[in-house]
């Protein structure tokens, strides 16, 4: 068994979902060896992921189809950088989109298959938003009263749905 096959039972890898990315998020990683992951994902999906991570403006970065692919790519750049000096984690978790990154990091999916799935998912979700516009908001650190106020502020002819409580 090689060092890269030994899993550290004390390490959990947690990958973020859409919404974790900001413009220029890739800058600190762009000179690392693991940046090659971005090039592979760009080739597989025919999307300039380097642009999304380095030079795209806020509106372009947060658009669902772009945000999902760029977040997936940057998550795996970070994962490959981690693996350069550490044993793999024993446990893998991902929030929503991050589940794909976790599956790749765990070796369940290969990088290219994950990239194609994430691209397809992001494009489908973007298209759904264009057909039925909507948005999502997160209430962080709120209490029951704050949540109740959020639901009381509904605008006429708009629906507000509680999707999840973490």
N, C-alpha and C. Protein backbone atom coordinates (compact mmCIF):
# COMPACT_ATOMS: atom_id res chain seq x y z
N UNK A 1 0.85 -1.18 0.00
CA UNK A 1 0.00 0.00 0.00
C UNK A 1 0.89 1.24 0.00
N UNK A 2 0.62 2.17 -0.91
CA UNK A 2 1.42 3.39 -1.00
C UNK A 2 0.87 4.44 -0.05
N UNK A 3 1.68 5.45 0.20
CA UNK A 3 1.27 6.53 1.10
C UNK A 3 -0.01 7.20 0.62
N UNK A 4 -0.18 7.34 -0.71
CA UNK A 4 -1.38 8.01 -1.23
C UNK A 4 -2.63 7.16 -1.07
N UNK A 5 -2.47 5.85 -0.77
CA UNK A 5 -3.64 4.99 -0.58
C UNK A 5 -4.06 4.92 0.89
N UNK A 6 -3.19 5.34 1.80
CA UNK A 6 -3.50 5.30 3.22
C UNK A 6 -4.38 6.50 3.55
N UNK A 7 -5.55 6.23 4.05
CA UNK A 7 -6.48 7.30 4.38
C UNK A 7 -6.33 7.68 5.84
N UNK A 8 -6.37 8.96 6.11
CA UNK A 8 -6.26 9.47 7.47
C UNK A 8 -7.66 9.49 8.09
N UNK A 9 -7.89 8.61 9.04
CA UNK A 9 -9.21 8.48 9.66
C UNK A 9 -9.62 9.68 10.50
N UNK A 10 -8.72 10.64 10.65
CA UNK A 10 -9.04 11.84 11.42
C UNK A 10 -9.40 13.02 10.51
N UNK A 11 -9.39 12.81 9.21
CA UNK A 11 -9.61 13.91 8.28
C UNK A 11 -10.93 13.71 7.53
N UNK A 12 -11.71 14.78 7.49
CA UNK A 12 -12.95 14.83 6.72
C UNK A 12 -12.79 15.93 5.68
N UNK A 13 -13.05 15.61 4.43
CA UNK A 13 -12.99 16.61 3.36
C UNK A 13 -14.42 17.09 3.09
N UNK A 14 -14.63 18.38 3.20
CA UNK A 14 -15.94 18.98 3.00
C UNK A 14 -15.84 19.98 1.85
N UNK A 15 -16.69 19.80 0.84
CA UNK A 15 -16.64 20.63 -0.36
C UNK A 15 -17.86 21.54 -0.43
N UNK A 16 -17.65 22.82 -0.79
CA UNK A 16 -18.74 23.80 -0.78
C UNK A 16 -19.66 23.66 -1.99
N UNK A 17 -20.82 24.25 -1.84
CA UNK A 17 -21.77 24.32 -2.93
C UNK A 17 -21.70 25.67 -3.63
N UNK A 18 -22.61 25.85 -4.56
CA UNK A 18 -22.70 27.11 -5.29
C UNK A 18 -22.94 28.23 -4.30
N UNK A 19 -22.31 29.36 -4.54
CA UNK A 19 -22.46 30.50 -3.65
C UNK A 19 -21.19 30.77 -2.87
N UNK A 20 -20.24 29.85 -2.95
CA UNK A 20 -18.99 30.01 -2.21
C UNK A 20 -17.94 30.78 -3.01
N UNK A 21 -18.21 31.04 -4.26
CA UNK A 21 -17.21 31.63 -5.16
C UNK A 21 -17.35 33.14 -5.27
N UNK A 22 -16.22 33.82 -5.36
CA UNK A 22 -16.19 35.26 -5.60
C UNK A 22 -15.28 35.53 -6.78
N UNK A 23 -15.41 36.71 -7.41
CA UNK A 23 -14.49 37.03 -8.51
C UNK A 23 -13.03 36.93 -8.06
N UNK A 24 -12.21 36.45 -8.95
CA UNK A 24 -10.77 36.28 -8.76
C UNK A 24 -10.41 35.25 -7.69
N UNK A 25 -11.34 34.37 -7.36
CA UNK A 25 -11.08 33.37 -6.32
C UNK A 25 -9.93 32.44 -6.68
N UNK A 26 -9.65 32.29 -7.95
CA UNK A 26 -8.58 31.40 -8.37
C UNK A 26 -7.18 31.99 -8.30
N UNK A 27 -7.07 33.30 -8.10
CA UNK A 27 -5.74 33.94 -8.13
C UNK A 27 -4.71 33.28 -7.22
N UNK A 28 -5.02 32.99 -5.97
CA UNK A 28 -4.00 32.39 -5.10
C UNK A 28 -3.56 30.99 -5.55
N UNK A 29 -4.38 30.35 -6.37
CA UNK A 29 -4.10 28.97 -6.79
C UNK A 29 -3.50 28.88 -8.18
N UNK A 30 -3.53 29.96 -8.93
CA UNK A 30 -3.20 29.92 -10.36
C UNK A 30 -1.76 29.55 -10.67
N UNK A 31 -0.88 29.65 -9.72
CA UNK A 31 0.53 29.30 -9.97
C UNK A 31 0.91 27.95 -9.35
N UNK A 32 -0.06 27.24 -8.80
CA UNK A 32 0.22 25.94 -8.20
C UNK A 32 0.22 24.84 -9.26
N UNK A 33 0.86 23.73 -8.93
CA UNK A 33 0.86 22.58 -9.85
C UNK A 33 -0.55 22.05 -10.08
N UNK A 34 -1.38 22.16 -9.07
CA UNK A 34 -2.74 21.62 -9.19
C UNK A 34 -3.64 22.45 -10.11
N UNK A 35 -3.17 23.62 -10.58
CA UNK A 35 -3.96 24.43 -11.51
C UNK A 35 -4.22 23.66 -12.81
N UNK A 36 -3.44 22.64 -13.08
CA UNK A 36 -3.66 21.82 -14.28
C UNK A 36 -5.05 21.21 -14.30
N UNK A 37 -5.66 21.05 -13.13
CA UNK A 37 -7.04 20.55 -13.03
C UNK A 37 -7.98 21.48 -13.81
N UNK A 38 -7.76 22.78 -13.71
CA UNK A 38 -8.59 23.77 -14.40
C UNK A 38 -8.48 23.59 -15.91
N UNK A 39 -7.28 23.34 -16.38
CA UNK A 39 -7.08 23.14 -17.82
C UNK A 39 -7.80 21.90 -18.32
N UNK A 40 -7.75 20.83 -17.54
CA UNK A 40 -8.45 19.59 -17.93
C UNK A 40 -9.95 19.83 -17.97
N UNK A 41 -10.49 20.46 -16.95
CA UNK A 41 -11.94 20.72 -16.89
C UNK A 41 -12.35 21.64 -18.04
N UNK A 42 -11.54 22.63 -18.36
CA UNK A 42 -11.84 23.53 -19.48
C UNK A 42 -11.91 22.76 -20.79
N UNK A 43 -10.97 21.86 -21.00
CA UNK A 43 -10.95 21.07 -22.24
C UNK A 43 -12.15 20.14 -22.34
N UNK A 44 -12.49 19.50 -21.25
CA UNK A 44 -13.60 18.54 -21.23
C UNK A 44 -14.95 19.23 -21.47
N UNK A 45 -15.11 20.43 -20.92
CA UNK A 45 -16.41 21.12 -20.99
C UNK A 45 -16.48 22.20 -22.06
N UNK A 46 -15.35 22.52 -22.66
CA UNK A 46 -15.28 23.60 -23.66
C UNK A 46 -15.69 24.94 -23.06
N UNK A 47 -15.30 25.16 -21.80
CA UNK A 47 -15.56 26.41 -21.09
C UNK A 47 -14.22 26.93 -20.58
N UNK A 48 -13.98 28.22 -20.70
CA UNK A 48 -12.74 28.82 -20.20
C UNK A 48 -12.86 29.03 -18.69
N UNK A 49 -12.58 27.97 -17.95
CA UNK A 49 -12.71 28.00 -16.49
C UNK A 49 -11.67 28.93 -15.87
N UNK A 50 -10.49 29.01 -16.48
CA UNK A 50 -9.46 29.95 -15.98
C UNK A 50 -10.02 31.37 -15.97
N UNK A 51 -10.71 31.75 -17.03
CA UNK A 51 -11.33 33.08 -17.08
C UNK A 51 -12.32 33.25 -15.93
N UNK A 52 -13.17 32.25 -15.70
CA UNK A 52 -14.17 32.36 -14.64
C UNK A 52 -13.51 32.54 -13.28
N UNK A 53 -12.38 31.88 -13.06
CA UNK A 53 -11.72 31.93 -11.76
C UNK A 53 -10.76 33.10 -11.59
N UNK A 54 -10.36 33.72 -12.69
CA UNK A 54 -9.34 34.76 -12.59
C UNK A 54 -9.81 36.15 -12.99
N UNK A 55 -10.63 36.27 -14.03
CA UNK A 55 -10.93 37.60 -14.57
C UNK A 55 -12.41 37.92 -14.74
N UNK A 56 -13.29 36.97 -14.61
CA UNK A 56 -14.72 37.23 -14.81
C UNK A 56 -15.26 38.17 -13.74
N UNK A 57 -16.22 39.01 -14.13
CA UNK A 57 -16.83 39.91 -13.14
C UNK A 57 -17.86 39.16 -12.30
N UNK A 58 -18.37 39.84 -11.30
CA UNK A 58 -19.30 39.22 -10.35
C UNK A 58 -20.50 38.57 -11.04
N UNK A 59 -21.15 39.30 -11.94
CA UNK A 59 -22.35 38.78 -12.59
C UNK A 59 -22.07 37.51 -13.38
N UNK A 60 -20.93 37.46 -14.03
CA UNK A 60 -20.58 36.27 -14.81
C UNK A 60 -20.22 35.10 -13.89
N UNK A 61 -19.53 35.39 -12.80
CA UNK A 61 -19.11 34.33 -11.87
C UNK A 61 -20.30 33.69 -11.17
N UNK A 62 -21.28 34.48 -10.77
CA UNK A 62 -22.38 33.94 -9.97
C UNK A 62 -23.50 33.32 -10.81
N UNK A 63 -23.47 33.49 -12.12
CA UNK A 63 -24.48 32.85 -12.96
C UNK A 63 -24.37 31.34 -12.78
N UNK A 64 -25.46 30.69 -12.55
CA UNK A 64 -25.48 29.29 -12.13
C UNK A 64 -24.60 28.37 -12.97
N UNK A 65 -24.70 28.44 -14.28
CA UNK A 65 -23.91 27.52 -15.09
C UNK A 65 -22.42 27.74 -14.90
N UNK A 66 -22.00 28.97 -14.74
CA UNK A 66 -20.59 29.28 -14.51
C UNK A 66 -20.16 28.98 -13.08
N UNK A 67 -20.97 29.39 -12.14
CA UNK A 67 -20.62 29.23 -10.72
C UNK A 67 -20.43 27.77 -10.36
N UNK A 68 -21.28 26.90 -10.88
CA UNK A 68 -21.16 25.49 -10.52
C UNK A 68 -19.87 24.88 -11.06
N UNK A 69 -19.56 25.15 -12.31
CA UNK A 69 -18.36 24.58 -12.91
C UNK A 69 -17.10 25.17 -12.27
N UNK A 70 -17.09 26.47 -12.05
CA UNK A 70 -15.91 27.12 -11.45
C UNK A 70 -15.71 26.66 -10.01
N UNK A 71 -16.77 26.50 -9.26
CA UNK A 71 -16.66 26.04 -7.88
C UNK A 71 -16.14 24.61 -7.84
N UNK A 72 -16.66 23.76 -8.71
CA UNK A 72 -16.18 22.38 -8.82
C UNK A 72 -14.68 22.37 -9.13
N UNK A 73 -14.27 23.16 -10.10
CA UNK A 73 -12.86 23.20 -10.50
C UNK A 73 -11.98 23.67 -9.35
N UNK A 74 -12.34 24.78 -8.72
CA UNK A 74 -11.50 25.32 -7.67
C UNK A 74 -11.45 24.39 -6.46
N UNK A 75 -12.55 23.73 -6.17
CA UNK A 75 -12.56 22.75 -5.08
C UNK A 75 -11.55 21.65 -5.34
N UNK A 76 -11.49 21.19 -6.57
CA UNK A 76 -10.57 20.10 -6.89
C UNK A 76 -9.13 20.57 -7.05
N UNK A 77 -8.93 21.82 -7.41
CA UNK A 77 -7.58 22.39 -7.37
C UNK A 77 -7.08 22.36 -5.93
N UNK A 78 -7.90 22.81 -5.02
CA UNK A 78 -7.54 22.79 -3.60
C UNK A 78 -7.30 21.38 -3.09
N UNK A 79 -8.14 20.46 -3.51
CA UNK A 79 -7.99 19.05 -3.10
C UNK A 79 -6.67 18.47 -3.59
N UNK A 80 -6.35 18.72 -4.85
CA UNK A 80 -5.08 18.20 -5.39
C UNK A 80 -3.88 18.86 -4.71
N UNK A 81 -3.99 20.12 -4.36
CA UNK A 81 -2.92 20.78 -3.61
C UNK A 81 -2.75 20.14 -2.23
N UNK A 82 -3.85 19.85 -1.60
CA UNK A 82 -3.82 19.18 -0.29
C UNK A 82 -3.14 17.82 -0.41
N UNK A 83 -3.49 17.06 -1.44
CA UNK A 83 -2.94 15.71 -1.61
C UNK A 83 -1.44 15.71 -1.88
N UNK A 84 -0.92 16.81 -2.35
CA UNK A 84 0.52 16.88 -2.64
C UNK A 84 1.37 16.66 -1.38
N UNK A 85 0.84 16.96 -0.22
CA UNK A 85 1.62 16.84 1.02
C UNK A 85 0.88 16.10 2.14
N UNK A 86 -0.29 15.56 1.84
CA UNK A 86 -1.08 14.91 2.89
C UNK A 86 -1.69 13.61 2.39
N UNK A 87 -2.04 12.74 3.32
CA UNK A 87 -2.77 11.52 2.99
C UNK A 87 -4.22 11.89 2.70
N UNK A 88 -4.89 11.08 1.88
CA UNK A 88 -6.30 11.37 1.60
C UNK A 88 -7.16 11.29 2.86
N UNK A 89 -8.23 12.01 2.83
CA UNK A 89 -9.20 11.96 3.93
C UNK A 89 -9.90 10.60 3.92
N UNK A 90 -10.50 10.26 5.02
CA UNK A 90 -11.26 9.02 5.11
C UNK A 90 -12.74 9.25 4.79
N UNK A 91 -13.19 10.48 4.97
CA UNK A 91 -14.60 10.80 4.81
C UNK A 91 -14.75 12.01 3.91
N UNK A 92 -15.78 11.99 3.09
CA UNK A 92 -15.99 13.05 2.10
C UNK A 92 -17.44 13.51 2.16
N UNK A 93 -17.60 14.83 2.21
CA UNK A 93 -18.92 15.44 2.26
C UNK A 93 -18.96 16.59 1.28
N UNK A 94 -20.15 16.88 0.78
CA UNK A 94 -20.31 18.03 -0.09
C UNK A 94 -21.70 18.60 0.06
N UNK A 95 -21.77 19.92 0.04
CA UNK A 95 -23.06 20.58 0.11
C UNK A 95 -23.57 20.81 -1.31
N UNK A 96 -24.67 20.17 -1.66
CA UNK A 96 -25.30 20.32 -2.97
C UNK A 96 -24.30 20.05 -4.08
N UNK A 97 -23.91 21.06 -4.85
CA UNK A 97 -22.92 20.90 -5.90
C UNK A 97 -21.65 20.24 -5.37
N UNK A 98 -21.27 20.53 -4.14
CA UNK A 98 -20.06 19.97 -3.54
C UNK A 98 -20.07 18.46 -3.46
N UNK A 99 -21.24 17.84 -3.59
CA UNK A 99 -21.31 16.39 -3.60
C UNK A 99 -20.53 15.82 -4.78
N UNK A 100 -20.55 16.53 -5.91
CA UNK A 100 -19.80 16.06 -7.08
C UNK A 100 -18.29 16.13 -6.82
N UNK A 101 -17.84 17.22 -6.22
CA UNK A 101 -16.43 17.36 -5.87
C UNK A 101 -16.02 16.26 -4.89
N UNK A 102 -16.88 15.99 -3.92
CA UNK A 102 -16.61 14.94 -2.94
C UNK A 102 -16.51 13.57 -3.59
N UNK A 103 -17.39 13.29 -4.53
CA UNK A 103 -17.35 12.00 -5.24
C UNK A 103 -16.05 11.84 -6.03
N UNK A 104 -15.59 12.91 -6.65
CA UNK A 104 -14.33 12.85 -7.38
C UNK A 104 -13.17 12.68 -6.41
N UNK A 105 -13.14 13.46 -5.34
CA UNK A 105 -12.06 13.36 -4.36
C UNK A 105 -12.00 11.98 -3.73
N UNK A 106 -13.14 11.36 -3.54
CA UNK A 106 -13.20 10.02 -2.94
C UNK A 106 -12.86 8.92 -3.94
N UNK A 107 -12.76 9.27 -5.22
CA UNK A 107 -12.43 8.28 -6.24
C UNK A 107 -13.62 7.53 -6.81
N UNK A 108 -14.82 7.99 -6.51
CA UNK A 108 -16.03 7.36 -7.04
C UNK A 108 -16.26 7.77 -8.49
N UNK A 109 -15.97 9.01 -8.82
CA UNK A 109 -16.06 9.55 -10.18
C UNK A 109 -14.69 10.05 -10.60
N UNK A 110 -14.39 9.96 -11.89
CA UNK A 110 -13.14 10.57 -12.35
C UNK A 110 -13.39 12.06 -12.62
N UNK A 111 -12.33 12.82 -12.68
CA UNK A 111 -12.39 14.27 -12.84
C UNK A 111 -13.20 14.68 -14.06
N UNK A 112 -12.96 14.02 -15.18
CA UNK A 112 -13.62 14.38 -16.43
C UNK A 112 -15.12 14.09 -16.39
N UNK A 113 -15.49 12.93 -15.86
CA UNK A 113 -16.93 12.60 -15.76
C UNK A 113 -17.64 13.58 -14.83
N UNK A 114 -16.99 13.89 -13.72
CA UNK A 114 -17.56 14.87 -12.79
C UNK A 114 -17.75 16.22 -13.46
N UNK A 115 -16.77 16.65 -14.26
CA UNK A 115 -16.86 17.94 -14.95
C UNK A 115 -18.03 17.95 -15.93
N UNK A 116 -18.19 16.88 -16.67
CA UNK A 116 -19.32 16.82 -17.62
C UNK A 116 -20.66 16.84 -16.89
N UNK A 117 -20.76 16.12 -15.79
CA UNK A 117 -22.00 16.11 -15.02
C UNK A 117 -22.30 17.49 -14.43
N UNK A 118 -21.28 18.12 -13.86
CA UNK A 118 -21.48 19.45 -13.26
C UNK A 118 -21.85 20.47 -14.33
N UNK A 119 -21.23 20.40 -15.48
CA UNK A 119 -21.57 21.33 -16.57
C UNK A 119 -23.02 21.13 -17.01
N UNK A 120 -23.42 19.89 -17.19
CA UNK A 120 -24.80 19.59 -17.60
C UNK A 120 -25.79 20.06 -16.54
N UNK A 121 -25.47 19.82 -15.28
CA UNK A 121 -26.33 20.24 -14.17
C UNK A 121 -26.45 21.76 -14.13
N UNK A 122 -25.33 22.46 -14.25
CA UNK A 122 -25.33 23.92 -14.20
C UNK A 122 -26.12 24.54 -15.35
N UNK A 123 -25.93 24.00 -16.55
CA UNK A 123 -26.66 24.52 -17.72
C UNK A 123 -28.16 24.28 -17.54
N UNK A 124 -28.54 23.10 -17.06
CA UNK A 124 -29.96 22.79 -16.85
C UNK A 124 -30.57 23.71 -15.79
N UNK A 125 -29.85 23.95 -14.72
CA UNK A 125 -30.37 24.81 -13.66
C UNK A 125 -30.46 26.27 -14.13
N UNK A 126 -29.49 26.71 -14.92
CA UNK A 126 -29.55 28.06 -15.48
C UNK A 126 -30.76 28.21 -16.41
N UNK A 127 -30.97 27.20 -17.23
CA UNK A 127 -32.11 27.22 -18.16
C UNK A 127 -33.44 27.25 -17.39
N UNK A 128 -33.52 26.46 -16.33
CA UNK A 128 -34.74 26.46 -15.51
C UNK A 128 -34.99 27.83 -14.91
N UNK A 129 -33.94 28.52 -14.50
CA UNK A 129 -34.09 29.86 -13.95
C UNK A 129 -34.55 30.86 -15.01
N UNK A 130 -34.09 30.67 -16.24
CA UNK A 130 -34.53 31.56 -17.32
C UNK A 130 -36.00 31.33 -17.65
N UNK A 131 -36.45 30.09 -17.55
CA UNK A 131 -37.86 29.78 -17.83
C UNK A 131 -38.77 30.21 -16.68
N UNK A 132 -38.29 30.11 -15.46
CA UNK A 132 -39.06 30.49 -14.28
C UNK A 132 -38.13 31.22 -13.32
N UNK A 133 -37.98 32.56 -13.53
CA UNK A 133 -37.02 33.31 -12.72
C UNK A 133 -37.30 33.18 -11.22
N UNK A 134 -36.23 33.15 -10.48
CA UNK A 134 -36.33 33.07 -9.03
C UNK A 134 -34.98 33.37 -8.43
N UNK A 135 -34.92 33.28 -7.15
CA UNK A 135 -33.66 33.51 -6.45
C UNK A 135 -33.68 32.74 -5.15
N UNK A 136 -32.54 32.71 -4.51
CA UNK A 136 -32.43 32.04 -3.24
C UNK A 136 -31.78 33.00 -2.25
N UNK A 137 -32.20 32.91 -1.01
CA UNK A 137 -31.60 33.73 0.04
C UNK A 137 -31.30 32.84 1.23
N UNK A 138 -30.28 33.18 1.95
CA UNK A 138 -29.93 32.45 3.15
C UNK A 138 -30.07 33.37 4.35
N UNK A 139 -30.65 32.87 5.38
CA UNK A 139 -30.77 33.60 6.64
C UNK A 139 -29.78 32.97 7.60
N UNK A 140 -28.72 33.69 7.88
CA UNK A 140 -27.64 33.16 8.71
C UNK A 140 -27.80 33.66 10.14
N UNK A 141 -27.75 32.74 11.06
CA UNK A 141 -27.77 33.12 12.46
C UNK A 141 -29.11 33.65 12.93
N UNK A 142 -30.14 33.43 12.15
CA UNK A 142 -31.45 33.94 12.52
C UNK A 142 -32.12 33.07 13.56
N UNK A 143 -33.04 33.67 14.25
CA UNK A 143 -33.83 32.91 15.21
C UNK A 143 -35.24 32.73 14.64
N UNK A 144 -36.10 32.12 15.39
CA UNK A 144 -37.46 31.87 14.92
C UNK A 144 -38.19 33.16 14.56
N UNK A 145 -37.95 34.23 15.33
CA UNK A 145 -38.61 35.51 15.05
C UNK A 145 -38.11 36.11 13.74
N UNK A 146 -36.82 36.01 13.48
CA UNK A 146 -36.26 36.52 12.22
C UNK A 146 -36.83 35.75 11.04
N UNK A 147 -36.96 34.46 11.19
CA UNK A 147 -37.54 33.65 10.13
C UNK A 147 -38.99 34.03 9.88
N UNK A 148 -39.74 34.24 10.93
CA UNK A 148 -41.14 34.65 10.78
C UNK A 148 -41.24 36.00 10.07
N UNK A 149 -40.37 36.96 10.41
CA UNK A 149 -40.38 38.26 9.74
C UNK A 149 -40.07 38.11 8.25
N UNK A 150 -39.19 37.22 7.92
CA UNK A 150 -38.82 36.99 6.51
C UNK A 150 -40.05 36.54 5.72
N UNK A 151 -40.84 35.66 6.30
CA UNK A 151 -42.02 35.18 5.60
C UNK A 151 -43.15 36.20 5.59
N UNK A 152 -43.17 37.12 6.52
CA UNK A 152 -44.21 38.15 6.55
C UNK A 152 -43.98 39.22 5.50
N UNK A 153 -42.77 39.33 4.99
CA UNK A 153 -42.44 40.39 4.02
C UNK A 153 -42.64 39.96 2.58
N UNK A 154 -43.50 39.05 2.34
CA UNK A 154 -43.76 38.61 0.97
C UNK A 154 -44.26 39.74 0.12
N UNK A 155 -43.79 39.78 -1.09
CA UNK A 155 -44.29 40.76 -2.05
C UNK A 155 -45.53 40.18 -2.72
N UNK A 156 -46.45 41.05 -3.12
CA UNK A 156 -47.64 40.55 -3.83
C UNK A 156 -47.23 39.77 -5.08
N UNK A 157 -47.96 38.74 -5.37
CA UNK A 157 -47.76 37.90 -6.55
C UNK A 157 -46.41 37.18 -6.55
N UNK A 158 -45.79 37.04 -5.43
CA UNK A 158 -44.52 36.30 -5.34
C UNK A 158 -44.67 35.23 -4.28
N UNK A 159 -44.09 34.10 -4.53
CA UNK A 159 -44.10 33.03 -3.55
C UNK A 159 -42.76 32.97 -2.85
N UNK A 160 -42.80 32.69 -1.58
CA UNK A 160 -41.59 32.50 -0.81
C UNK A 160 -41.70 31.13 -0.16
N UNK A 161 -40.73 30.28 -0.44
CA UNK A 161 -40.78 28.92 0.05
C UNK A 161 -39.57 28.65 0.92
N UNK A 162 -39.80 28.04 2.04
CA UNK A 162 -38.72 27.60 2.90
C UNK A 162 -38.24 26.25 2.37
N UNK A 163 -37.01 26.20 1.94
CA UNK A 163 -36.48 24.99 1.33
C UNK A 163 -35.72 24.12 2.31
N UNK A 164 -35.06 24.75 3.29
CA UNK A 164 -34.21 23.96 4.17
C UNK A 164 -33.87 24.74 5.41
N UNK A 165 -33.78 24.04 6.52
CA UNK A 165 -33.28 24.61 7.76
C UNK A 165 -32.08 23.76 8.16
N UNK A 166 -30.93 24.40 8.25
CA UNK A 166 -29.71 23.69 8.66
C UNK A 166 -29.50 23.91 10.14
